[in-house]
PDB file of N, CA and C in Angstrom:
ATOM      1  N   MET A   1    -112.200 -35.930  55.163  1.00  0.00           N
ATOM      2  CA  MET A   1    -110.991 -36.778  55.329  1.00  0.00           C
ATOM      3  C   MET A   1    -111.326 -38.031  56.193  1.00  0.00           C
ATOM      4  N   ARG A   2    -112.574 -38.361  56.225  1.00  0.00           N
ATOM      5  CA  ARG A   2    -113.011 -39.476  57.029  1.00  0.00           C
ATOM      6  C   ARG A   2    -112.471 -40.811  56.590  1.00  0.00           C
ATOM      7  N   GLU A   3    -112.371 -40.955  55.286  1.00  0.00           N
ATOM      8  CA  GLU A   3    -111.905 -42.269  54.700  1.00  0.00           C
ATOM      9  C   GLU A   3    -110.503 -42.098  54.057  1.00  0.00           C
ATOM     10  N   ALA A   4    -109.717 -41.170  54.546  1.00  0.00           N
ATOM     11  CA  ALA A   4    -108.439 -40.926  53.877  1.00  0.00           C
ATOM     12  C   ALA A   4    -107.532 -42.126  54.186  1.00  0.00           C
ATOM     13  N   ASP A   5    -106.687 -42.391  53.147  1.00  0.00           N
ATOM     14  CA  ASP A   5    -105.659 -43.342  53.205  1.00  0.00           C
ATOM     15  C   ASP A   5    -104.817 -43.012  54.405  1.00  0.00           C
ATOM     16  N   PRO A   6    -104.558 -43.942  55.331  1.00  0.00           N
ATOM     17  CA  PRO A   6    -103.760 -43.546  56.528  1.00  0.00           C
ATOM     18  C   PRO A   6    -102.423 -42.900  56.230  1.00  0.00           C
ATOM     19  N   GLU A   7    -101.694 -43.417  55.139  1.00  0.00           N
ATOM     20  CA  GLU A   7    -100.446 -42.836  54.808  1.00  0.00           C
ATOM     21  C   GLU A   7    -100.593 -41.412  54.285  1.00  0.00           C
ATOM     22  N   ALA A   8    -101.595 -41.230  53.461  1.00  0.00           N
ATOM     23  CA  ALA A   8    -101.900 -39.845  52.977  1.00  0.00           C
ATOM     24  C   ALA A   8    -102.206 -38.900  54.134  1.00  0.00           C
ATOM     25  N   GLN A   9    -102.977 -39.365  55.041  1.00  0.00           N
ATOM     26  CA  GLN A   9    -103.358 -38.572  56.245  1.00  0.00           C
ATOM     27  C   GLN A   9    -102.146 -38.257  57.049  1.00  0.00           C
ATOM     28  N   ARG A  10    -101.268 -39.193  57.219  1.00  0.00           N
ATOM     29  CA  ARG A  10     -99.970 -38.951  58.026  1.00  0.00           C
ATOM     30  C   ARG A  10     -99.181 -37.886  57.367  1.00  0.00           C
ATOM     31  N   LYS A  11     -99.122 -37.975  55.999  1.00  0.00           N
ATOM     32  CA  LYS A  11     -98.307 -36.929  55.262  1.00  0.00           C
ATOM     33  C   LYS A  11     -98.931 -35.522  55.356  1.00  0.00           C
ATOM     34  N   ILE A  12    -100.238 -35.467  55.298  1.00  0.00           N
ATOM     35  CA  ILE A  12    -100.899 -34.252  55.395  1.00  0.00           C
ATOM     36  C   ILE A  12    -100.668 -33.619  56.820  1.00  0.00           C
ATOM     37  N   LEU A  13    -100.843 -34.433  57.801  1.00  0.00           N
ATOM     38  CA  LEU A  13    -100.622 -33.977  59.133  1.00  0.00           C
ATOM     39  C   LEU A  13     -99.176 -33.493  59.375  1.00  0.00           C
ATOM     40  N   ASN A  14     -98.188 -34.188  58.782  1.00  0.00           N
ATOM     41  CA  ASN A  14     -96.831 -33.772  58.894  1.00  0.00           C
ATOM     42  C   ASN A  14     -96.618 -32.391  58.263  1.00  0.00           C
ATOM     43  N   ARG A  15     -97.259 -32.222  57.044  1.00  0.00           N
ATOM     44  CA  ARG A  15     -97.134 -30.899  56.370  1.00  0.00           C
ATOM     45  C   ARG A  15     -97.735 -29.798  57.221  1.00  0.00           C
ATOM     46  N   LEU A  16     -98.920 -30.062  57.823  1.00  0.00           N
ATOM     47  CA  LEU A  16     -99.570 -29.070  58.619  1.00  0.00           C
ATOM     48  C   LEU A  16     -98.762 -28.723  59.872  1.00  0.00           C
ATOM     49  N   LYS A  17     -98.237 -29.711  60.493  1.00  0.00           N
ATOM     50  CA  LYS A  17     -97.349 -29.564  61.689  1.00  0.00           C
ATOM     51  C   LYS A  17     -96.164 -28.749  61.340  1.00  0.00           C
ATOM     52  N   ARG A  18     -95.536 -29.035  60.154  1.00  0.00           N
ATOM     53  CA  ARG A  18     -94.356 -28.272  59.732  1.00  0.00           C
ATOM     54  C   ARG A  18     -94.789 -26.770  59.523  1.00  0.00           C
ATOM     55  N   ALA A  19     -95.956 -26.544  58.900  1.00  0.00           N
ATOM     56  CA  ALA A  19     -96.449 -25.210  58.677  1.00  0.00           C
ATOM     57  C   ALA A  19     -96.594 -24.442  59.994  1.00  0.00           C
ATOM     58  N   ARG A  20     -97.191 -25.202  60.970  1.00  0.00           N
ATOM     59  CA  ARG A  20     -97.381 -24.596  62.291  1.00  0.00           C
ATOM     60  C   ARG A  20     -96.003 -24.142  62.866  1.00  0.00           C
ATOM     61  N   GLY A  21     -95.032 -24.974  62.781  1.00  0.00           N
ATOM     62  CA  GLY A  21     -93.691 -24.622  63.244  1.00  0.00           C
ATOM     63  C   GLY A  21     -93.064 -23.469  62.531  1.00  0.00           C
ATOM     64  N   GLN A  22     -93.307 -23.430  61.216  1.00  0.00           N
ATOM     65  CA  GLN A  22     -92.856 -22.328  60.446  1.00  0.00           C
ATOM     66  C   GLN A  22     -93.594 -21.012  60.785  1.00  0.00           C
ATOM     67  N   LEU A  23     -94.830 -21.139  61.048  1.00  0.00           N
ATOM     68  CA  LEU A  23     -95.607 -19.965  61.463  1.00  0.00           C
ATOM     69  C   LEU A  23     -95.102 -19.439  62.789  1.00  0.00           C
ATOM     70  N   ASP A  24     -94.802 -20.314  63.736  1.00  0.00           N
ATOM     71  CA  ASP A  24     -94.239 -19.909  65.004  1.00  0.00           C
ATOM     72  C   ASP A  24     -92.888 -19.125  64.763  1.00  0.00           C
ATOM     73  N   ALA A  25     -92.087 -19.614  63.796  1.00  0.00           N
ATOM     74  CA  ALA A  25     -90.918 -18.940  63.530  1.00  0.00           C
ATOM     75  C   ALA A  25     -91.148 -17.553  62.948  1.00  0.00           C
ATOM     76  N   VAL A  26     -92.165 -17.383  62.135  1.00  0.00           N
ATOM     77  CA  VAL A  26     -92.510 -16.078  61.633  1.00  0.00           C
ATOM     78  C   VAL A  26     -92.907 -15.103  62.781  1.00  0.00           C
ATOM     79  N   ILE A  27     -93.713 -15.665  63.645  1.00  0.00           N
ATOM     80  CA  ILE A  27     -94.168 -14.812  64.766  1.00  0.00           C
ATOM     81  C   ILE A  27     -92.977 -14.406  65.622  1.00  0.00           C
ATOM     82  N   ASN A  28     -92.060 -15.304  65.876  1.00  0.00           N
ATOM     83  CA  ASN A  28     -90.877 -14.984  66.666  1.00  0.00           C
ATOM     84  C   ASN A  28     -89.989 -13.959  65.877  1.00  0.00           C
ATOM     85  N   ALA A  29     -89.890 -14.124  64.575  1.00  0.00           N
ATOM     86  CA  ALA A  29     -89.119 -13.184  63.773  1.00  0.00           C
ATOM     87  C   ALA A  29     -89.657 -11.801  63.882  1.00  0.00           C
ATOM     88  N   VAL A  30     -90.994 -11.676  63.758  1.00  0.00           N
ATOM     89  CA  VAL A  30     -91.627 -10.322  63.887  1.00  0.00           C
ATOM     90  C   VAL A  30     -91.478  -9.765  65.273  1.00  0.00           C
ATOM     91  N   GLU A  31     -91.691 -10.604  66.300  1.00  0.00           N
ATOM     92  CA  GLU A  31     -91.511 -10.165  67.709  1.00  0.00           C
ATOM     93  C   GLU A  31     -90.123  -9.675  67.990  1.00  0.00           C
ATOM     94  N   SER A  32     -89.104 -10.403  67.385  1.00  0.00           N
ATOM     95  CA  SER A  32     -87.714  -9.999  67.707  1.00  0.00           C
ATOM     96  C   SER A  32     -87.182  -8.971  66.745  1.00  0.00           C
ATOM     97  N   GLY A  33     -88.022  -8.487  65.844  1.00  0.00           N
ATOM     98  CA  GLY A  33     -87.566  -7.441  64.995  1.00  0.00           C
ATOM     99  C   GLY A  33     -86.683  -7.843  63.833  1.00  0.00           C
ATOM    100  N   GLN A  34     -86.771  -9.077  63.396  1.00  0.00           N
ATOM    101  CA  GLN A  34     -85.875  -9.512  62.307  1.00  0.00           C
ATOM    102  C   GLN A  34     -86.159  -8.752  61.055  1.00  0.00           C
ATOM    103  N   SER A  35     -85.322  -8.826  60.079  1.00  0.00           N
ATOM    104  CA  SER A  35     -85.467  -8.108  58.801  1.00  0.00           C
ATOM    105  C   SER A  35     -86.673  -8.530  57.997  1.00  0.00           C
ATOM    106  N   CYS A  36     -87.098  -7.609  57.158  1.00  0.00           N
ATOM    107  CA  CYS A  36     -88.251  -7.804  56.341  1.00  0.00           C
ATOM    108  C   CYS A  36     -87.997  -9.026  55.470  1.00  0.00           C
ATOM    109  N   ARG A  37     -86.779  -9.121  54.885  1.00  0.00           N
ATOM    110  CA  ARG A  37     -86.415 -10.249  54.027  1.00  0.00           C
ATOM    111  C   ARG A  37     -86.588 -11.603  54.763  1.00  0.00           C
ATOM    112  N   SER A  38     -86.150 -11.664  55.983  1.00  0.00           N
ATOM    113  CA  SER A  38     -86.269 -12.902  56.763  1.00  0.00           C
ATOM    114  C   SER A  38     -87.719 -13.225  57.035  1.00  0.00           C
ATOM    115  N   VAL A  39     -88.523 -12.243  57.408  1.00  0.00           N
ATOM    116  CA  VAL A  39     -89.917 -12.542  57.780  1.00  0.00           C
ATOM    117  C   VAL A  39     -90.690 -12.973  56.470  1.00  0.00           C
ATOM    118  N   VAL A  40     -90.431 -12.287  55.392  1.00  0.00           N
ATOM    119  CA  VAL A  40     -91.123 -12.648  54.128  1.00  0.00           C
ATOM    120  C   VAL A  40     -90.698 -14.013  53.623  1.00  0.00           C
ATOM    121  N   THR A  41     -89.497 -14.351  53.743  1.00  0.00           N
ATOM    122  CA  THR A  41     -88.924 -15.647  53.398  1.00  0.00           C
ATOM    123  C   THR A  41     -89.645 -16.736  54.182  1.00  0.00           C
ATOM    124  N   GLN A  42     -89.727 -16.509  55.498  1.00  0.00           N
ATOM    125  CA  GLN A  42     -90.413 -17.486  56.350  1.00  0.00           C
ATOM    126  C   GLN A  42     -91.930 -17.590  56.066  1.00  0.00           C
ATOM    127  N   LEU A  43     -92.534 -16.483  55.762  1.00  0.00           N
ATOM    128  CA  LEU A  43     -93.969 -16.480  55.406  1.00  0.00           C
ATOM    129  C   LEU A  43     -94.236 -17.193  54.134  1.00  0.00           C
ATOM    130  N   ALA A  44     -93.300 -17.034  53.155  1.00  0.00           N
ATOM    131  CA  ALA A  44     -93.367 -17.893  51.876  1.00  0.00           C
ATOM    132  C   ALA A  44     -93.301 -19.345  52.183  1.00  0.00           C
ATOM    133  N   ALA A  45     -92.448 -19.737  53.055  1.00  0.00           N
ATOM    134  CA  ALA A  45     -92.350 -21.170  53.457  1.00  0.00           C
ATOM    135  C   ALA A  45     -93.680 -21.694  54.106  1.00  0.00           C
ATOM    136  N   VAL A  46     -94.312 -20.840  54.956  1.00  0.00           N
ATOM    137  CA  VAL A  46     -95.521 -21.235  55.561  1.00  0.00           C
ATOM    138  C   VAL A  46     -96.613 -21.368  54.472  1.00  0.00           C
ATOM    139  N   SER A  47     -96.751 -20.449  53.575  1.00  0.00           N
ATOM    140  CA  SER A  47     -97.703 -20.395  52.554  1.00  0.00           C
ATOM    141  C   SER A  47     -97.600 -21.680  51.606  1.00  0.00           C
ATOM    142  N   THR A  48     -96.347 -21.984  51.296  1.00  0.00           N
ATOM    143  CA  THR A  48     -96.105 -23.199  50.443  1.00  0.00           C
ATOM    144  C   THR A  48     -96.459 -24.459  51.197  1.00  0.00           C
ATOM    145  N   ALA A  49     -96.112 -24.533  52.431  1.00  0.00           N
ATOM    146  CA  ALA A  49     -96.506 -25.755  53.193  1.00  0.00           C
ATOM    147  C   ALA A  49     -98.045 -25.899  53.342  1.00  0.00           C
ATOM    148  N   LEU A  50     -98.747 -24.764  53.551  1.00  0.00           N
ATOM    149  CA  LEU A  50    -100.182 -24.876  53.625  1.00  0.00           C
ATOM    150  C   LEU A  50    -100.870 -25.221  52.283  1.00  0.00           C
ATOM    151  N   ASP A  51    -100.288 -24.659  51.162  1.00  0.00           N
ATOM    152  CA  ASP A  51    -100.780 -24.913  49.815  1.00  0.00           C
ATOM    153  C   ASP A  51    -100.624 -26.421  49.573  1.00  0.00           C
ATOM    154  N   ARG A  52     -99.484 -26.978  49.909  1.00  0.00           N
ATOM    155  CA  ARG A  52     -99.245 -28.308  49.623  1.00  0.00           C
ATOM    156  C   ARG A  52    -100.192 -29.278  50.399  1.00  0.00           C
ATOM    157  N   ALA A  53    -100.402 -28.868  51.679  1.00  0.00           N
ATOM    158  CA  ALA A  53    -101.343 -29.601  52.507  1.00  0.00           C
ATOM    159  C   ALA A  53    -102.711 -29.550  51.881  1.00  0.00           C
ATOM    160  N   GLY A  54    -103.168 -28.372  51.475  1.00  0.00           N
ATOM    161  CA  GLY A  54    -104.438 -28.292  50.861  1.00  0.00           C
ATOM    162  C   GLY A  54    -104.586 -29.105  49.594  1.00  0.00           C
ATOM    163  N   PHE A  55    -103.570 -29.027  48.763  1.00  0.00           N
ATOM    164  CA  PHE A  55    -103.614 -29.898  47.535  1.00  0.00           C
ATOM    165  C   PHE A  55    -103.669 -31.387  47.843  1.00  0.00           C
ATOM    166  N   SER A  56    -102.986 -31.740  48.886  1.00  0.00           N
ATOM    167  CA  SER A  56    -102.980 -33.147  49.279  1.00  0.00           C
ATOM    168  C   SER A  56    -104.322 -33.586  49.815  1.00  0.00           C
ATOM    169  N   VAL A  57    -104.984 -32.757  50.549  1.00  0.00           N
ATOM    170  CA  VAL A  57    -106.338 -33.003  51.055  1.00  0.00           C
ATOM    171  C   VAL A  57    -107.286 -33.202  49.887  1.00  0.00           C
ATOM    172  N   VAL A  58    -107.273 -32.271  48.950  1.00  0.00           N
ATOM    173  CA  VAL A  58    -108.183 -32.322  47.829  1.00  0.00           C
ATOM    174  C   VAL A  58    -107.885 -33.534  46.976  1.00  0.00           C
ATOM    175  N   SER A  59    -106.614 -33.795  46.751  1.00  0.00           N
ATOM    176  CA  SER A  59    -106.199 -34.986  45.954  1.00  0.00           C
ATOM    177  C   SER A  59    -106.718 -36.254  46.597  1.00  0.00           C
ATOM    178  N   SER A  60    -106.564 -36.418  47.900  1.00  0.00           N
ATOM    179  CA  SER A  60    -107.038 -37.591  48.557  1.00  0.00           C
ATOM    180  C   SER A  60    -108.555 -37.734  48.476  1.00  0.00           C
ATOM    181  N   ALA A  61    -109.256 -36.630  48.576  1.00  0.00           N
ATOM    182  CA  ALA A  61    -110.710 -36.711  48.435  1.00  0.00           C
ATOM    183  C   ALA A  61    -111.049 -37.061  46.982  1.00  0.00           C
ATOM    184  N   MET A  62    -110.329 -36.496  46.047  1.00  0.00           N
ATOM    185  CA  MET A  62    -110.690 -36.789  44.613  1.00  0.00           C
ATOM    186  C   MET A  62    -110.472 -38.316  44.430  1.00  0.00           C
ATOM    187  N   GLN A  63    -109.398 -38.847  44.888  1.00  0.00           N
ATOM    188  CA  GLN A  63    -109.169 -40.315  44.704  1.00  0.00           C
ATOM    189  C   GLN A  63    -110.253 -41.057  45.315  1.00  0.00           C
ATOM    190  N   PHE A  64    -110.710 -40.703  46.522  1.00  0.00           N
ATOM    191  CA  PHE A  64    -111.749 -41.398  47.194  1.00  0.00           C
ATOM    192  C   PHE A  64    -113.115 -41.253  46.364  1.00  0.00           C
ATOM    193  N   CYS A  65    -113.373 -40.082  45.829  1.00  0.00           N
ATOM    194  CA  CYS A  65    -114.595 -39.868  45.006  1.00  0.00           C
ATOM    195  C   CYS A  65    -114.611 -40.779  43.727  1.00  0.00           C
ATOM    196  N   VAL A  66    -113.430 -40.830  43.173  1.00  0.00           N
ATOM    197  CA  VAL A  66    -113.311 -41.551  41.922  1.00  0.00           C
ATOM    198  C   VAL A  66    -113.395 -43.093  42.152  1.00  0.00           C
ATOM    199  N   ASN A  67    -112.820 -43.535  43.248  1.00  0.00           N
ATOM    200  CA  ASN A  67    -112.823 -44.931  43.541  1.00  0.00           C
ATOM    201  C   ASN A  67    -114.149 -45.460  44.125  1.00  0.00           C
ATOM    202  N   ASP A  68    -114.867 -44.661  44.920  1.00  0.00           N
ATOM    203  CA  ASP A  68    -116.137 -45.029  45.493  1.00  0.00           C
ATOM    204  C   ASP A  68    -117.084 -43.850  45.599  1.00  0.00           C
ATOM    205  N   PRO A  69    -117.629 -43.377  44.462  1.00  0.00           N
ATOM    206  CA  PRO A  69    -118.332 -42.139  44.459  1.00  0.00           C
ATOM    207  C   PRO A  69    -119.599 -42.114  45.399  1.00  0.00           C
ATOM    208  N   GLU A  70    -120.308 -43.294  45.528  1.00  0.00           N
ATOM    209  CA  GLU A  70    -121.434 -43.329  46.377  1.00  0.00           C
ATOM    210  C   GLU A  70    -121.095 -43.204  47.868  1.00  0.00           C
ATOM    211  N   ARG A  71    -120.081 -43.914  48.282  1.00  0.00           N
ATOM    212  CA  ARG A  71    -119.661 -43.825  49.683  1.00  0.00           C
ATOM    213  C   ARG A  71    -118.997 -42.425  49.975  1.00  0.00           C
ATOM    214  N   ALA A  72    -118.292 -41.908  49.005  1.00  0.00           N
ATOM    215  CA  ALA A  72    -117.699 -40.596  49.233  1.00  0.00           C
ATOM    216  C   ALA A  72    -118.810 -39.508  49.395  1.00  0.00           C
ATOM    217  N   ALA A  73    -119.832 -39.605  48.578  1.00  0.00           N
ATOM    218  CA  ALA A  73    -120.893 -38.596  48.692  1.00  0.00           C
ATOM    219  C   ALA A  73    -121.600 -38.778  50.061  1.00  0.00           C
ATOM    220  N   GLU A  74    -121.736 -39.992  50.490  1.00  0.00           N
ATOM    221  CA  GLU A  74    -122.372 -40.244  51.867  1.00  0.00           C
ATOM    222  C   GLU A  74    -121.485 -39.726  53.010  1.00  0.00           C
ATOM    223  N   LEU A  75    -120.188 -40.013  52.966  1.00  0.00           N
ATOM    224  CA  LEU A  75    -119.354 -39.702  54.108  1.00  0.00           C
ATOM    225  C   LEU A  75    -118.850 -38.217  54.060  1.00  0.00           C
ATOM    226  N   GLU A  76    -118.807 -37.694  52.914  1.00  0.00           N
ATOM    227  CA  GLU A  76    -118.290 -36.308  52.787  1.00  0.00           C
ATOM    228  C   GLU A  76    -119.462 -35.347  52.570  1.00  0.00           C
ATOM    229  N   ASP A  77    -120.606 -35.627  53.142  1.00  0.00           N
ATOM    230  CA  ASP A  77    -121.737 -34.681  53.137  1.00  0.00           C
ATOM    231  C   ASP A  77    -122.110 -34.321  51.659  1.00  0.00           C
ATOM    232  N   GLY A  78    -122.164 -35.312  50.849  1.00  0.00           N
ATOM    233  CA  GLY A  78    -122.608 -35.005  49.510  1.00  0.00           C
ATOM    234  C   GLY A  78    -121.588 -34.337  48.581  1.00  0.00           C
ATOM    235  N   LEU A  79    -120.353 -34.303  48.953  1.00  0.00           N
ATOM    236  CA  LEU A  79    -119.306 -33.660  48.180  1.00  0.00           C
ATOM    237  C   LEU A  79    -119.141 -34.318  46.850  1.00  0.00           C
ATOM    238  N   THR A  80    -119.233 -33.536  45.793  1.00  0.00           N
ATOM    239  CA  THR A  80    -119.159 -34.017  44.484  1.00  0.00           C
ATOM    240  C   THR A  80    -117.800 -33.720  43.845  1.00  0.00           C
ATOM    241  N   VAL A  81    -117.577 -34.380  42.671  1.00  0.00           N
ATOM    242  CA  VAL A  81    -116.308 -34.094  41.940  1.00  0.00           C
ATOM    243  C   VAL A  81    -116.291 -32.609  41.570  1.00  0.00           C
ATOM    244  N   GLU A  82    -117.419 -32.081  41.157  1.00  0.00           N
ATOM    245  CA  GLU A  82    -117.485 -30.686  40.776  1.00  0.00           C
ATOM    246  C   GLU A  82    -117.041 -29.764  42.010  1.00  0.00           C
ATOM    247  N   GLU A  83    -117.623 -30.103  43.183  1.00  0.00           N
ATOM    248  CA  GLU A  83    -117.280 -29.316  44.304  1.00  0.00           C
ATOM    249  C   GLU A  83    -115.838 -29.417  44.743  1.00  0.00           C
ATOM    250  N   LEU A  84    -115.279 -30.642  44.552  1.00  0.00           N
ATOM    251  CA  LEU A  84    -113.860 -30.883  44.744  1.00  0.00           C
ATOM    252  C   LEU A  84    -112.999 -30.038  43.824  1.00  0.00           C
ATOM    253  N   GLU A  85    -113.448 -29.949  42.542  1.00  0.00           N
ATOM    254  CA  GLU A  85    -112.700 -29.122  41.562  1.00  0.00           C
ATOM    255  C   GLU A  85    -112.730 -27.667  42.035  1.00  0.00           C
ATOM    256  N   LYS A  86    -113.864 -27.204  42.531  1.00  0.00           N
ATOM    257  CA  LYS A  86    -113.969 -25.789  43.009  1.00  0.00           C
ATOM    258  C   LYS A  86    -113.037 -25.640  44.227  1.00  0.00           C
ATOM    259  N   LEU A  87    -112.953 -26.609  45.151  1.00  0.00           N
ATOM    260  CA  LEU A  87    -112.046 -26.519  46.253  1.00  0.00           C
ATOM    261  C   LEU A  87    -110.617 -26.467  45.766  1.00  0.00           C
ATOM    262  N   PHE A  88    -110.272 -27.348  44.815  1.00  0.00           N
ATOM    263  CA  PHE A  88    -108.975 -27.338  44.298  1.00  0.00           C
ATOM    264  C   PHE A  88    -108.617 -25.935  43.691  1.00  0.00           C
ATOM    265  N   LEU A  89    -109.546 -25.358  42.917  1.00  0.00           N
ATOM    266  CA  LEU A  89    -109.238 -24.053  42.326  1.00  0.00           C
ATOM    267  C   LEU A  89    -109.151 -22.965  43.306  1.00  0.00           C
ATOM    268  N   SER A  90    -109.831 -23.055  44.421  1.00  0.00           N
ATOM    269  CA  SER A  90    -109.841 -22.096  45.512  1.00  0.00           C
ATOM    270  C   SER A  90    -108.388 -22.050  46.178  1.00  0.00           C
ATOM    271  N   LEU A  91    -107.577 -23.102  45.962  1.00  0.00           N
ATOM    272  CA  LEU A  91    -106.318 -23.114  46.520  1.00  0.00           C
ATOM    273  C   LEU A  91    -105.248 -22.453  45.633  1.00  0.00           C
ATOM    274  N   SER A  92    -105.589 -22.204  44.399  1.00  0.00           N
ATOM    275  CA  SER A  92    -104.631 -21.644  43.440  1.00  0.00           C
ATOM    276  C   SER A  92    -104.833 -20.168  43.323  1.00  0.00           C
TER     277      SER A  92
END
């Protein structure tokens, strides 16, 4: 994420911070003995937020690789489009 578009990076950070807040809510729900339904619903929200952040990270990296493959390989420790595809698939 060294060369990420600042707006894309801001959105990714917002998603991750939202997920962190949702995870805190899950922890509090478990500690306070809330219902299984409530805990699972909140866990699903955390999972979705993390998935979306992951997809955004991979998408930003793919755009960078396509637009400037040589610089992307240099800055992202040789990360190739094929490796990005594997990362993307690891999120699904």
